[in-house]
């Protein structure tokens, strides 16, 4: 499943990122925000404009806004709440 399809509030771990499908500058920004393989994430909110952009993603103690196409490049594995 990709991050853009993760249910709101469901903890997950990023298992893979399609870096080749992203602009290199955007890829560096996402890595700097901690959005890389192994990171624990949770989708906090979907925007109401432009097909749900932006997405608010909890990464550790931060909440970051990313575009839906960036989230679509991230494969996640849902986690149970007690493993989060």
N, C-alpha and C. Protein backbone atom coordinates (compact mmCIF):
# COMPACT_ATOMS: atom_id res chain seq x y z
N UNK A 1 0.85 -1.17 0.00
CA UNK A 1 0.00 0.00 0.00
C UNK A 1 0.90 1.24 0.00
N UNK A 2 0.45 2.28 -0.66
CA UNK A 2 1.21 3.53 -0.67
C UNK A 2 0.69 4.46 0.42
N UNK A 3 1.54 5.39 0.82
CA UNK A 3 1.21 6.29 1.93
C UNK A 3 -0.06 7.09 1.67
N UNK A 4 -0.32 7.47 0.43
CA UNK A 4 -1.52 8.26 0.15
C UNK A 4 -2.80 7.48 0.39
N UNK A 5 -2.74 6.16 0.43
CA UNK A 5 -3.93 5.31 0.64
C UNK A 5 -4.07 4.81 2.07
N UNK A 6 -3.12 5.15 2.92
CA UNK A 6 -3.16 4.73 4.31
C UNK A 6 -4.34 5.39 5.01
N UNK A 7 -5.13 4.63 5.78
CA UNK A 7 -6.23 5.25 6.52
C UNK A 7 -5.71 6.27 7.53
N UNK A 8 -6.48 7.32 7.76
CA UNK A 8 -6.11 8.33 8.75
C UNK A 8 -5.91 7.68 10.12
N UNK A 9 -4.84 8.06 10.79
CA UNK A 9 -4.58 7.58 12.15
C UNK A 9 -3.95 6.20 12.24
N UNK A 10 -3.74 5.52 11.10
CA UNK A 10 -3.14 4.18 11.11
C UNK A 10 -1.62 4.28 11.13
N UNK A 11 -0.97 3.80 12.18
CA UNK A 11 0.50 3.81 12.19
C UNK A 11 1.04 2.88 11.11
N UNK A 12 2.15 3.27 10.50
CA UNK A 12 2.77 2.46 9.46
C UNK A 12 4.27 2.72 9.44
N UNK A 13 4.98 1.84 8.76
CA UNK A 13 6.42 2.01 8.57
C UNK A 13 6.67 2.05 7.08
N UNK A 14 7.50 3.02 6.65
CA UNK A 14 7.84 3.11 5.23
C UNK A 14 8.78 1.96 4.90
N UNK A 15 8.38 1.13 3.93
CA UNK A 15 9.20 -0.02 3.55
C UNK A 15 10.05 0.27 2.32
N UNK A 16 9.61 1.19 1.47
CA UNK A 16 10.37 1.53 0.26
C UNK A 16 9.92 2.88 -0.26
N UNK A 17 10.84 3.56 -0.95
CA UNK A 17 10.53 4.84 -1.58
C UNK A 17 11.04 4.78 -3.02
N UNK A 18 10.22 5.17 -3.96
CA UNK A 18 10.60 5.22 -5.37
C UNK A 18 11.30 6.54 -5.64
N UNK A 19 12.58 6.62 -5.24
CA UNK A 19 13.33 7.87 -5.39
C UNK A 19 13.49 8.26 -6.85
N UNK A 20 13.58 7.27 -7.74
CA UNK A 20 13.76 7.56 -9.17
C UNK A 20 12.54 8.27 -9.75
N UNK A 21 11.37 8.08 -9.14
CA UNK A 21 10.15 8.72 -9.62
C UNK A 21 9.95 10.12 -9.09
N UNK A 22 10.84 10.59 -8.25
CA UNK A 22 10.73 11.92 -7.65
C UNK A 22 11.84 12.83 -8.16
N UNK A 23 11.57 14.10 -8.19
CA UNK A 23 12.58 15.10 -8.52
C UNK A 23 13.69 15.01 -7.46
N UNK A 24 14.97 15.05 -7.86
CA UNK A 24 16.07 14.93 -6.87
C UNK A 24 16.01 15.97 -5.75
N UNK A 25 15.63 17.19 -6.05
CA UNK A 25 15.54 18.23 -5.02
C UNK A 25 14.43 17.88 -4.03
N UNK A 26 13.28 17.42 -4.54
CA UNK A 26 12.19 17.04 -3.66
C UNK A 26 12.57 15.82 -2.83
N UNK A 27 13.32 14.89 -3.44
CA UNK A 27 13.78 13.71 -2.71
C UNK A 27 14.68 14.08 -1.54
N UNK A 28 15.58 15.02 -1.75
CA UNK A 28 16.46 15.47 -0.65
C UNK A 28 15.64 16.10 0.46
N UNK A 29 14.63 16.88 0.11
CA UNK A 29 13.77 17.52 1.10
C UNK A 29 13.03 16.46 1.93
N UNK A 30 12.50 15.46 1.26
CA UNK A 30 11.76 14.41 1.96
C UNK A 30 12.69 13.62 2.90
N UNK A 31 13.89 13.33 2.45
CA UNK A 31 14.86 12.64 3.31
C UNK A 31 15.21 13.50 4.52
N UNK A 32 15.39 14.80 4.30
CA UNK A 32 15.73 15.71 5.40
C UNK A 32 14.61 15.77 6.43
N UNK A 33 13.38 15.54 5.99
CA UNK A 33 12.23 15.52 6.90
C UNK A 33 12.06 14.17 7.60
N UNK A 34 12.90 13.20 7.24
CA UNK A 34 12.84 11.89 7.87
C UNK A 34 11.97 10.89 7.14
N UNK A 35 11.49 11.24 5.95
CA UNK A 35 10.63 10.34 5.19
C UNK A 35 11.49 9.44 4.30
N UNK A 36 11.94 8.35 4.88
CA UNK A 36 12.79 7.39 4.18
C UNK A 36 12.43 6.00 4.69
N UNK A 37 12.93 4.98 4.04
CA UNK A 37 12.65 3.60 4.44
C UNK A 37 12.99 3.40 5.91
N UNK A 38 12.08 2.75 6.62
CA UNK A 38 12.26 2.48 8.04
C UNK A 38 11.57 3.47 8.95
N UNK A 39 11.18 4.63 8.43
CA UNK A 39 10.54 5.66 9.26
C UNK A 39 9.11 5.25 9.63
N UNK A 40 8.75 5.52 10.87
CA UNK A 40 7.38 5.30 11.31
C UNK A 40 6.57 6.56 11.00
N UNK A 41 5.43 6.38 10.35
CA UNK A 41 4.60 7.50 9.94
C UNK A 41 3.14 7.23 10.27
N UNK A 42 2.37 8.30 10.20
CA UNK A 42 0.93 8.20 10.40
C UNK A 42 0.29 9.34 9.63
N UNK A 43 -0.72 9.05 8.84
CA UNK A 43 -1.41 10.08 8.09
C UNK A 43 -2.38 10.79 9.02
N UNK A 44 -2.17 12.09 9.22
CA UNK A 44 -2.97 12.85 10.18
C UNK A 44 -4.14 13.58 9.54
N UNK A 45 -3.99 13.99 8.28
CA UNK A 45 -5.03 14.80 7.65
C UNK A 45 -4.85 14.81 6.15
N UNK A 46 -5.96 14.85 5.43
CA UNK A 46 -5.95 15.03 3.98
C UNK A 46 -6.53 16.40 3.68
N UNK A 47 -5.87 17.13 2.78
CA UNK A 47 -6.38 18.43 2.39
C UNK A 47 -7.68 18.32 1.61
N UNK A 48 -8.39 19.42 1.50
CA UNK A 48 -9.68 19.40 0.81
C UNK A 48 -9.57 19.93 -0.61
N UNK A 49 -8.42 20.46 -1.00
CA UNK A 49 -8.26 21.03 -2.32
C UNK A 49 -7.46 20.11 -3.23
N UNK A 50 -7.72 20.19 -4.52
CA UNK A 50 -6.91 19.50 -5.52
C UNK A 50 -6.78 18.01 -5.31
N UNK A 51 -7.86 17.34 -5.01
CA UNK A 51 -7.80 15.89 -4.85
C UNK A 51 -7.18 15.43 -3.54
N UNK A 52 -7.24 16.25 -2.54
CA UNK A 52 -6.74 15.84 -1.22
C UNK A 52 -5.35 16.33 -0.89
N UNK A 53 -4.82 17.27 -1.66
CA UNK A 53 -3.51 17.85 -1.36
C UNK A 53 -3.67 19.01 -0.41
N UNK A 54 -2.73 19.26 0.46
CA UNK A 54 -1.61 18.40 0.83
C UNK A 54 -2.05 17.35 1.85
N UNK A 55 -1.14 16.43 2.16
CA UNK A 55 -1.35 15.44 3.19
C UNK A 55 -0.50 15.84 4.39
N UNK A 56 -1.07 15.77 5.58
CA UNK A 56 -0.31 16.02 6.81
C UNK A 56 0.13 14.65 7.34
N UNK A 57 1.44 14.48 7.45
CA UNK A 57 2.01 13.20 7.86
C UNK A 57 2.81 13.39 9.15
N UNK A 58 2.50 12.57 10.14
CA UNK A 58 3.27 12.58 11.38
C UNK A 58 4.50 11.71 11.18
N UNK A 59 5.67 12.29 11.43
CA UNK A 59 6.95 11.59 11.34
C UNK A 59 7.64 11.84 12.67
N UNK A 60 7.69 10.83 13.50
CA UNK A 60 8.25 11.05 14.83
C UNK A 60 7.38 12.06 15.58
N UNK A 61 8.00 13.13 16.06
CA UNK A 61 7.26 14.17 16.79
C UNK A 61 6.87 15.34 15.90
N UNK A 62 7.14 15.24 14.60
CA UNK A 62 6.81 16.33 13.66
C UNK A 62 5.57 15.98 12.86
N UNK A 63 4.91 17.02 12.38
CA UNK A 63 3.85 16.87 11.38
C UNK A 63 4.30 17.68 10.17
N UNK A 64 4.41 17.02 9.03
CA UNK A 64 4.87 17.68 7.81
C UNK A 64 3.81 17.56 6.75
N UNK A 65 3.75 18.55 5.88
CA UNK A 65 2.83 18.55 4.76
C UNK A 65 3.57 18.10 3.51
N UNK A 66 3.02 17.11 2.82
CA UNK A 66 3.63 16.65 1.58
C UNK A 66 2.55 16.54 0.51
N UNK A 67 2.97 16.52 -0.73
CA UNK A 67 2.04 16.36 -1.85
C UNK A 67 1.63 14.90 -1.98
N UNK A 68 0.45 14.71 -2.53
CA UNK A 68 -0.07 13.36 -2.73
C UNK A 68 0.86 12.53 -3.63
N UNK A 69 1.42 13.15 -4.68
CA UNK A 69 2.30 12.38 -5.57
C UNK A 69 3.58 11.94 -4.85
N UNK A 70 4.03 12.68 -3.84
CA UNK A 70 5.17 12.24 -3.04
C UNK A 70 4.77 11.05 -2.17
N UNK A 71 3.60 11.13 -1.56
CA UNK A 71 3.11 10.03 -0.72
C UNK A 71 2.88 8.77 -1.55
N UNK A 72 2.49 8.94 -2.81
CA UNK A 72 2.25 7.81 -3.70
C UNK A 72 3.55 7.07 -4.03
N UNK A 73 4.68 7.73 -3.88
CA UNK A 73 5.98 7.11 -4.15
C UNK A 73 6.50 6.31 -2.96
N UNK A 74 5.77 6.33 -1.84
CA UNK A 74 6.21 5.65 -0.61
C UNK A 74 5.34 4.44 -0.33
N UNK A 75 5.96 3.28 -0.26
CA UNK A 75 5.25 2.06 0.10
C UNK A 75 5.34 1.90 1.61
N UNK A 76 4.19 1.64 2.24
CA UNK A 76 4.14 1.51 3.70
C UNK A 76 3.57 0.16 4.10
N UNK A 77 3.95 -0.26 5.29
CA UNK A 77 3.40 -1.47 5.91
C UNK A 77 2.65 -1.03 7.16
N UNK A 78 1.32 -1.19 7.17
CA UNK A 78 0.56 -0.83 8.37
C UNK A 78 1.04 -1.58 9.59
N UNK A 79 0.97 -0.92 10.74
CA UNK A 79 1.38 -1.50 12.00
C UNK A 79 0.18 -1.50 12.94
N UNK A 80 0.16 -2.42 13.88
CA UNK A 80 -0.88 -2.37 14.89
C UNK A 80 -0.51 -1.30 15.91
N UNK A 81 -1.49 -0.74 16.56
CA UNK A 81 -1.26 0.36 17.49
C UNK A 81 -0.30 -0.04 18.61
N UNK A 82 -0.34 -1.31 19.07
CA UNK A 82 0.53 -1.71 20.17
C UNK A 82 1.98 -1.89 19.75
N UNK A 83 2.27 -1.96 18.43
CA UNK A 83 3.64 -2.04 17.93
C UNK A 83 4.19 -0.67 17.57
N UNK A 84 3.35 0.33 17.53
CA UNK A 84 3.76 1.67 17.09
C UNK A 84 4.61 2.36 18.13
